C-alpha atoms as a PDB file:
ATOM      1  CA  MET A   1     -29.327 -27.461 -97.028  1.00  0.00           C
ATOM      2  CA  GLU A   2     -30.016 -29.813 -99.926  1.00  0.00           C
ATOM      3  CA  CYS A   3     -27.620 -32.644 -99.253  1.00  0.00           C
ATOM      4  CA  PRO A   4     -29.538 -35.711 -98.020  1.00  0.00           C
ATOM      5  CA  ILE A   5     -26.372 -37.101 -96.419  1.00  0.00           C
ATOM      6  CA  ALA A   6     -25.810 -33.915 -94.407  1.00  0.00           C
ATOM      7  CA  ARG A   7     -29.494 -33.776 -93.426  1.00  0.00           C
ATOM      8  CA  ALA A   8     -29.451 -37.433 -92.336  1.00  0.00           C
ATOM      9  CA  LEU A   9     -26.312 -36.833 -90.293  1.00  0.00           C
ATOM     10  CA  GLU A  10     -28.053 -33.950 -88.524  1.00  0.00           C
ATOM     11  CA  GLU A  11     -30.601 -36.474 -87.290  1.00  0.00           C
ATOM     12  CA  ILE A  12     -28.412 -39.499 -86.531  1.00  0.00           C
ATOM     13  CA  GLY A  13     -24.812 -38.489 -87.125  1.00  0.00           C
ATOM     14  CA  ASP A  14     -23.174 -38.593 -83.736  1.00  0.00           C
ATOM     15  CA  GLY A  15     -21.743 -41.753 -82.268  1.00  0.00           C
ATOM     16  CA  TRP A  16     -24.017 -41.863 -79.234  1.00  0.00           C
ATOM     17  CA  SER A  17     -27.165 -41.617 -81.355  1.00  0.00           C
ATOM     18  CA  LEU A  18     -25.999 -44.455 -83.599  1.00  0.00           C
ATOM     19  CA  LEU A  19     -25.241 -46.610 -80.560  1.00  0.00           C
ATOM     20  CA  ILE A  20     -28.636 -45.807 -79.023  1.00  0.00           C
ATOM     21  CA  LEU A  21     -30.300 -46.838 -82.296  1.00  0.00           C
ATOM     22  CA  ARG A  22     -28.175 -49.994 -82.414  1.00  0.00           C
ATOM     23  CA  ASP A  23     -29.273 -50.898 -78.887  1.00  0.00           C
ATOM     24  CA  ALA A  24     -32.916 -50.098 -79.701  1.00  0.00           C
ATOM     25  CA  LEU A  25     -32.632 -52.538 -82.617  1.00  0.00           C
ATOM     26  CA  ARG A  26     -31.395 -55.085 -80.066  1.00  0.00           C
ATOM     27  CA  GLY A  27     -34.556 -54.548 -78.010  1.00  0.00           C
ATOM     28  CA  VAL A  28     -33.391 -52.053 -75.385  1.00  0.00           C
ATOM     29  CA  ARG A  29     -36.338 -49.823 -74.411  1.00  0.00           C
ATOM     30  CA  GLN A  30     -35.722 -48.201 -71.024  1.00  0.00           C
ATOM     31  CA  PHE A  31     -33.510 -45.269 -70.083  1.00  0.00           C
ATOM     32  CA  ALA A  32     -31.634 -47.188 -67.364  1.00  0.00           C
ATOM     33  CA  ASP A  33     -30.895 -50.042 -69.769  1.00  0.00           C
ATOM     34  CA  PHE A  34     -29.527 -47.674 -72.422  1.00  0.00           C
ATOM     35  CA  GLN A  35     -27.415 -45.939 -69.776  1.00  0.00           C
ATOM     36  CA  GLU A  36     -26.060 -49.155 -68.307  1.00  0.00           C
ATOM     37  CA  GLY A  37     -25.324 -50.795 -71.661  1.00  0.00           C
ATOM     38  CA  LEU A  38     -23.638 -47.750 -73.170  1.00  0.00           C
ATOM     39  CA  GLY A  39     -21.976 -46.246 -70.102  1.00  0.00           C
ATOM     40  CA  ILE A  40     -23.330 -42.865 -71.210  1.00  0.00           C
ATOM     41  CA  ALA A  41     -23.858 -39.883 -68.905  1.00  0.00           C
ATOM     42  CA  PRO A  42     -27.553 -39.348 -68.050  1.00  0.00           C
ATOM     43  CA  ASN A  43     -27.650 -35.787 -69.406  1.00  0.00           C
ATOM     44  CA  THR A  44     -26.074 -36.897 -72.712  1.00  0.00           C
ATOM     45  CA  LEU A  45     -28.503 -39.811 -72.996  1.00  0.00           C
ATOM     46  CA  THR A  46     -31.475 -37.534 -72.276  1.00  0.00           C
ATOM     47  CA  ARG A  47     -30.410 -35.097 -75.015  1.00  0.00           C
ATOM     48  CA  ARG A  48     -29.851 -37.874 -77.575  1.00  0.00           C
ATOM     49  CA  LEU A  49     -33.149 -39.643 -76.796  1.00  0.00           C
ATOM     50  CA  ASP A  50     -35.011 -36.320 -77.033  1.00  0.00           C
ATOM     51  CA  LYS A  51     -33.363 -35.591 -80.390  1.00  0.00           C
ATOM     52  CA  LEU A  52     -34.115 -39.063 -81.777  1.00  0.00           C
ATOM     53  CA  CYS A  53     -37.763 -38.687 -80.688  1.00  0.00           C
ATOM     54  CA  ARG A  54     -37.986 -35.158 -82.127  1.00  0.00           C
ATOM     55  CA  HIS A  55     -36.711 -36.458 -85.484  1.00  0.00           C
ATOM     56  CA  GLY A  56     -39.168 -39.363 -85.448  1.00  0.00           C
ATOM     57  CA  LEU A  57     -36.642 -42.208 -85.134  1.00  0.00           C
ATOM     58  CA  LEU A  58     -37.858 -43.234 -81.678  1.00  0.00           C
ATOM     59  CA  ARG A  59     -41.257 -42.890 -80.033  1.00  0.00           C
ATOM     60  CA  ARG A  60     -41.514 -42.220 -76.288  1.00  0.00           C
ATOM     61  CA  ARG A  61     -44.247 -44.010 -74.318  1.00  0.00           C
ATOM     62  CA  ARG A  62     -44.970 -43.607 -70.606  1.00  0.00           C
ATOM     63  CA  TYR A  63     -45.144 -47.008 -68.932  1.00  0.00           C
ATOM     64  CA  GLN A  64     -45.171 -45.882 -65.285  1.00  0.00           C
ATOM     65  CA  GLU A  65     -46.588 -42.751 -63.642  1.00  0.00           C
ATOM     66  CA  HIS A  66     -45.043 -42.825 -60.121  1.00  0.00           C
ATOM     67  CA  PRO A  67     -42.199 -42.216 -60.544  1.00  0.00           C
ATOM     68  CA  PRO A  68     -42.602 -41.268 -64.211  1.00  0.00           C
ATOM     69  CA  ARG A  69     -40.852 -43.733 -66.499  1.00  0.00           C
ATOM     70  CA  ASP A  70     -40.781 -43.843 -70.295  1.00  0.00           C
ATOM     71  CA  GLU A  71     -39.772 -46.443 -72.810  1.00  0.00           C
ATOM     72  CA  TYR A  72     -38.395 -45.753 -76.258  1.00  0.00           C
ATOM     73  CA  ARG A  73     -39.532 -47.706 -79.298  1.00  0.00           C
ATOM     74  CA  LEU A  74     -38.228 -47.557 -82.837  1.00  0.00           C
ATOM     75  CA  THR A  75     -40.527 -46.034 -85.430  1.00  0.00           C
ATOM     76  CA  ASP A  76     -40.630 -47.260 -89.025  1.00  0.00           C
ATOM     77  CA  LYS A  77     -38.163 -44.474 -89.815  1.00  0.00           C
ATOM     78  CA  GLY A  78     -35.790 -45.810 -87.146  1.00  0.00           C
ATOM     79  CA  LEU A  79     -36.255 -49.436 -88.206  1.00  0.00           C
ATOM     80  CA  GLU A  80     -35.231 -48.535 -91.763  1.00  0.00           C
ATOM     81  CA  LEU A  81     -31.744 -47.780 -90.414  1.00  0.00           C
ATOM     82  CA  LEU A  82     -31.093 -51.502 -89.806  1.00  0.00           C
ATOM     83  CA  PRO A  83     -29.393 -52.199 -93.160  1.00  0.00           C
ATOM     84  CA  ILE A  84     -27.380 -48.983 -92.858  1.00  0.00           C
ATOM     85  CA  LEU A  85     -26.107 -49.885 -89.382  1.00  0.00           C
ATOM     86  CA  LEU A  86     -25.328 -53.434 -90.526  1.00  0.00           C
ATOM     87  CA  ALA A  87     -23.416 -52.069 -93.527  1.00  0.00           C
ATOM     88  CA  LEU A  88     -21.500 -49.663 -91.280  1.00  0.00           C
ATOM     89  CA  GLY A  89     -20.674 -52.572 -88.971  1.00  0.00           C
ATOM     90  CA  GLU A  90     -19.465 -54.678 -91.881  1.00  0.00           C
ATOM     91  CA  TRP A  91     -17.295 -51.800 -93.107  1.00  0.00           C
ATOM     92  CA  GLY A  92     -15.885 -51.500 -89.563  1.00  0.00           C
ATOM     93  CA  ASN A  93     -15.168 -55.244 -89.405  1.00  0.00           C
ATOM     94  CA  ARG A  94     -13.296 -55.054 -92.708  1.00  0.00           C
ATOM     95  CA  TRP A  95     -11.409 -51.766 -92.443  1.00  0.00           C
ATOM     96  CA  VAL A  96     -11.175 -50.913 -88.739  1.00  0.00           C
ATOM     97  CA  LEU A  97     -10.912 -54.402 -87.236  1.00  0.00           C
ATOM     98  CA  HIS A  98      -8.926 -55.629 -90.277  1.00  0.00           C
ATOM     99  CA  GLY A  99     -11.172 -58.593 -90.989  1.00  0.00           C
ATOM    100  CA  LYS A 100     -11.340 -59.771 -87.359  1.00  0.00           C
ATOM    101  CA  ALA A 101     -15.103 -59.315 -87.061  1.00  0.00           C
ATOM    102  CA  SER A 102     -16.402 -58.772 -83.564  1.00  0.00           C
ATOM    103  CA  ILE A 103     -20.068 -59.147 -84.549  1.00  0.00           C
ATOM    104  CA  VAL A 104     -21.377 -60.966 -87.620  1.00  0.00           C
ATOM    105  CA  PRO A 105     -24.984 -60.668 -88.854  1.00  0.00           C
ATOM    106  CA  VAL A 106     -26.668 -64.025 -89.450  1.00  0.00           C
ATOM    107  CA  ASP A 107     -29.936 -65.173 -90.997  1.00  0.00           C
ATOM    108  CA  LEU A 108     -32.274 -65.819 -88.067  1.00  0.00           C
ATOM    109  CA  ARG A 109     -33.828 -68.860 -89.801  1.00  0.00           C
ATOM    110  CA  THR A 110     -30.618 -70.645 -90.804  1.00  0.00           C
ATOM    111  CA  GLY A 111     -27.947 -69.211 -88.523  1.00  0.00           C
ATOM    112  CA  GLU A 112     -25.764 -68.700 -91.590  1.00  0.00           C
ATOM    113  CA  PRO A 113     -23.762 -65.464 -91.925  1.00  0.00           C
ATOM    114  CA  ILE A 114     -25.365 -62.822 -94.102  1.00  0.00           C
ATOM    115  CA  GLU A 115     -23.246 -61.381 -96.874  1.00  0.00           C
ATOM    116  CA  LEU A 116     -24.420 -57.795 -97.004  1.00  0.00           C
ATOM    117  CA  ALA A 117     -24.721 -56.048-100.340  1.00  0.00           C
ATOM    118  CA  ILE A 118     -26.243 -52.774-101.365  1.00  0.00           C
ATOM    119  CA  VAL A 119     -28.212 -53.423-104.529  1.00  0.00           C
ATOM    120  CA  ASP A 120     -30.605 -51.650-106.826  1.00  0.00           C
ATOM    121  CA  ARG A 121     -33.977 -52.955-105.672  1.00  0.00           C
ATOM    122  CA  ARG A 122     -35.381 -52.828-109.212  1.00  0.00           C
ATOM    123  CA  THR A 123     -32.592 -54.699-111.000  1.00  0.00           C
ATOM    124  CA  GLY A 124     -30.737 -56.499-108.220  1.00  0.00           C
ATOM    125  CA  ALA A 125     -27.497 -54.999-109.566  1.00  0.00           C
ATOM    126  CA  SER A 126     -24.768 -54.417-106.999  1.00  0.00           C
ATOM    127  CA  ILE A 127     -23.891 -50.794-106.243  1.00  0.00           C
ATOM    128  CA  GLN A 128     -20.211 -50.369-107.050  1.00  0.00           C
ATOM    129  CA  PRO A 129     -17.909 -47.320-107.177  1.00  0.00           C
ATOM    130  CA  GLY A 130     -17.811 -45.970-110.710  1.00  0.00           C
ATOM    131  CA  ALA A 131     -21.049 -47.714-111.709  1.00  0.00           C
ATOM    132  CA  VAL A 132     -23.477 -45.240-110.147  1.00  0.00           C
ATOM    133  CA  ALA A 133     -24.100 -41.526-110.590  1.00  0.00           C
ATOM    134  CA  VAL A 134     -26.320 -38.864-109.079  1.00  0.00           C
ATOM    135  CA  VAL A 135     -28.745 -36.536-110.826  1.00  0.00           C
ATOM    136  CA  ALA A 136     -30.926 -33.716-109.533  1.00  0.00           C
ATOM    137  CA  GLY A 137     -34.093 -34.914-107.814  1.00  0.00           C
ATOM    138  CA  LYS A 138     -37.530 -33.329-107.477  1.00  0.00           C
ATOM    139  CA  GLY A 139     -36.476 -31.296-104.446  1.00  0.00           C
ATOM    140  CA  ALA A 140     -33.274 -29.910-106.013  1.00  0.00           C
ATOM    141  CA  SER A 141     -32.720 -26.175-106.142  1.00  0.00           C
ATOM    142  CA  LYS A 142     -32.095 -24.316-109.361  1.00  0.00           C
ATOM    143  CA  GLN A 143     -28.376 -24.150-108.507  1.00  0.00           C
ATOM    144  CA  LEU A 144     -28.127 -27.888-107.882  1.00  0.00           C
ATOM    145  CA  ARG A 145     -29.982 -28.635-111.101  1.00  0.00           C
ATOM    146  CA  ALA A 146     -27.445 -26.468-112.959  1.00  0.00           C
ATOM    147  CA  ARG A 147     -24.533 -28.379-111.380  1.00  0.00           C
ATOM    148  CA  LEU A 148     -26.082 -31.738-112.190  1.00  0.00           C
ATOM    149  CA  VAL A 149     -27.084 -31.129-115.797  1.00  0.00           C
ATOM    150  CA  THR A 150     -25.374 -34.418-116.614  1.00  0.00           C
ATOM    151  CA  PRO A 151     -25.170 -37.394-114.211  1.00  0.00           C
ATOM    152  CA  LEU A 152     -22.229 -37.126-111.801  1.00  0.00           C
ATOM    153  CA  PRO A 153     -20.439 -40.508-111.444  1.00  0.00           C
ATOM    154  CA  LEU A 154     -19.545 -41.526-107.890  1.00  0.00           C
ATOM    155  CA  GLY A 155     -16.466 -43.423-106.829  1.00  0.00           C
ATOM    156  CA  ALA A 156     -14.791 -43.491-110.218  1.00  0.00           C
ATOM    157  CA  GLU A 157     -11.022 -42.971-110.189  1.00  0.00           C
ATOM    158  CA  SER A 158     -11.475 -39.645-111.901  1.00  0.00           C
ATOM    159  CA  SER A 159     -14.920 -38.115-112.080  1.00  0.00           C
ATOM    160  CA  PRO A 160     -15.847 -35.315-114.481  1.00  0.00           C
ATOM    161  CA  LEU A 161     -15.810 -32.969-111.491  1.00  0.00           C
ATOM    162  CA  ASP A 162     -12.203 -33.970-110.671  1.00  0.00           C
ATOM    163  CA  ARG A 163     -11.174 -33.491-114.277  1.00  0.00           C
ATOM    164  CA  GLY A 164     -12.862 -30.080-114.354  1.00  0.00           C
ATOM    165  CA  LEU A 165     -11.126 -28.972-111.154  1.00  0.00           C
ATOM    166  CA  ALA A 166      -7.757 -30.222-112.395  1.00  0.00           C
ATOM    167  CA  SER A 167      -8.279 -28.406-115.668  1.00  0.00           C
ATOM    168  CA  ALA A 168      -9.210 -25.196-113.834  1.00  0.00           C
ATOM    169  CA  ARG A 169      -6.076 -25.515-111.649  1.00  0.00           C
ATOM    170  CA  ARG A 170      -3.891 -25.910-114.717  1.00  0.00           C
ATOM    171  CA  ARG A 171      -5.383 -22.761-116.255  1.00  0.00           C
ATOM    172  CA  THR A 172      -4.759 -20.718-113.098  1.00  0.00           C
ATOM    173  CA  THR A 173      -1.352 -22.114-112.147  1.00  0.00           C
ATOM    174  CA  PRO A 174       1.515 -19.963-113.416  1.00  0.00           C
ATOM    175  CA  GLY A 175       4.116 -21.458-115.479  1.00  0.00           C
END
């Protein structure tokens, strides 16, 4: 599977895992605290924590031997999800809660709300639909390279792929 979005979702894509990561970002470390805060069944929590550790998003550390107790700490890989979770939360505030934000990120130094933006780190340019495209990367297969001979625009009203599919439909539609 070449798609980085699909691969990422394999690691973090279910709701419980995202909520566990959110709580870990808030400082939750212990199994009982995750369970209490999320209201999640113990067997479900165990599976999700194991998966997040296996994928390197959390690191398990034994803090008590009798009875055995572990804590879960975010790795650098897990910490890098912070802007993604904040962006998902902002999208939810706007489109699911219809602008009635339940949680607003603020700058810890000033207390002022943060206006999230996804930008090109090199240029500072905002990432907007229709202004960005994808090309084949170093890890792309031969087939993907063939499909992405030219950059594929994302989020445009009508991408070249859409136009090609529409054109193919017209050729195959009788009449």
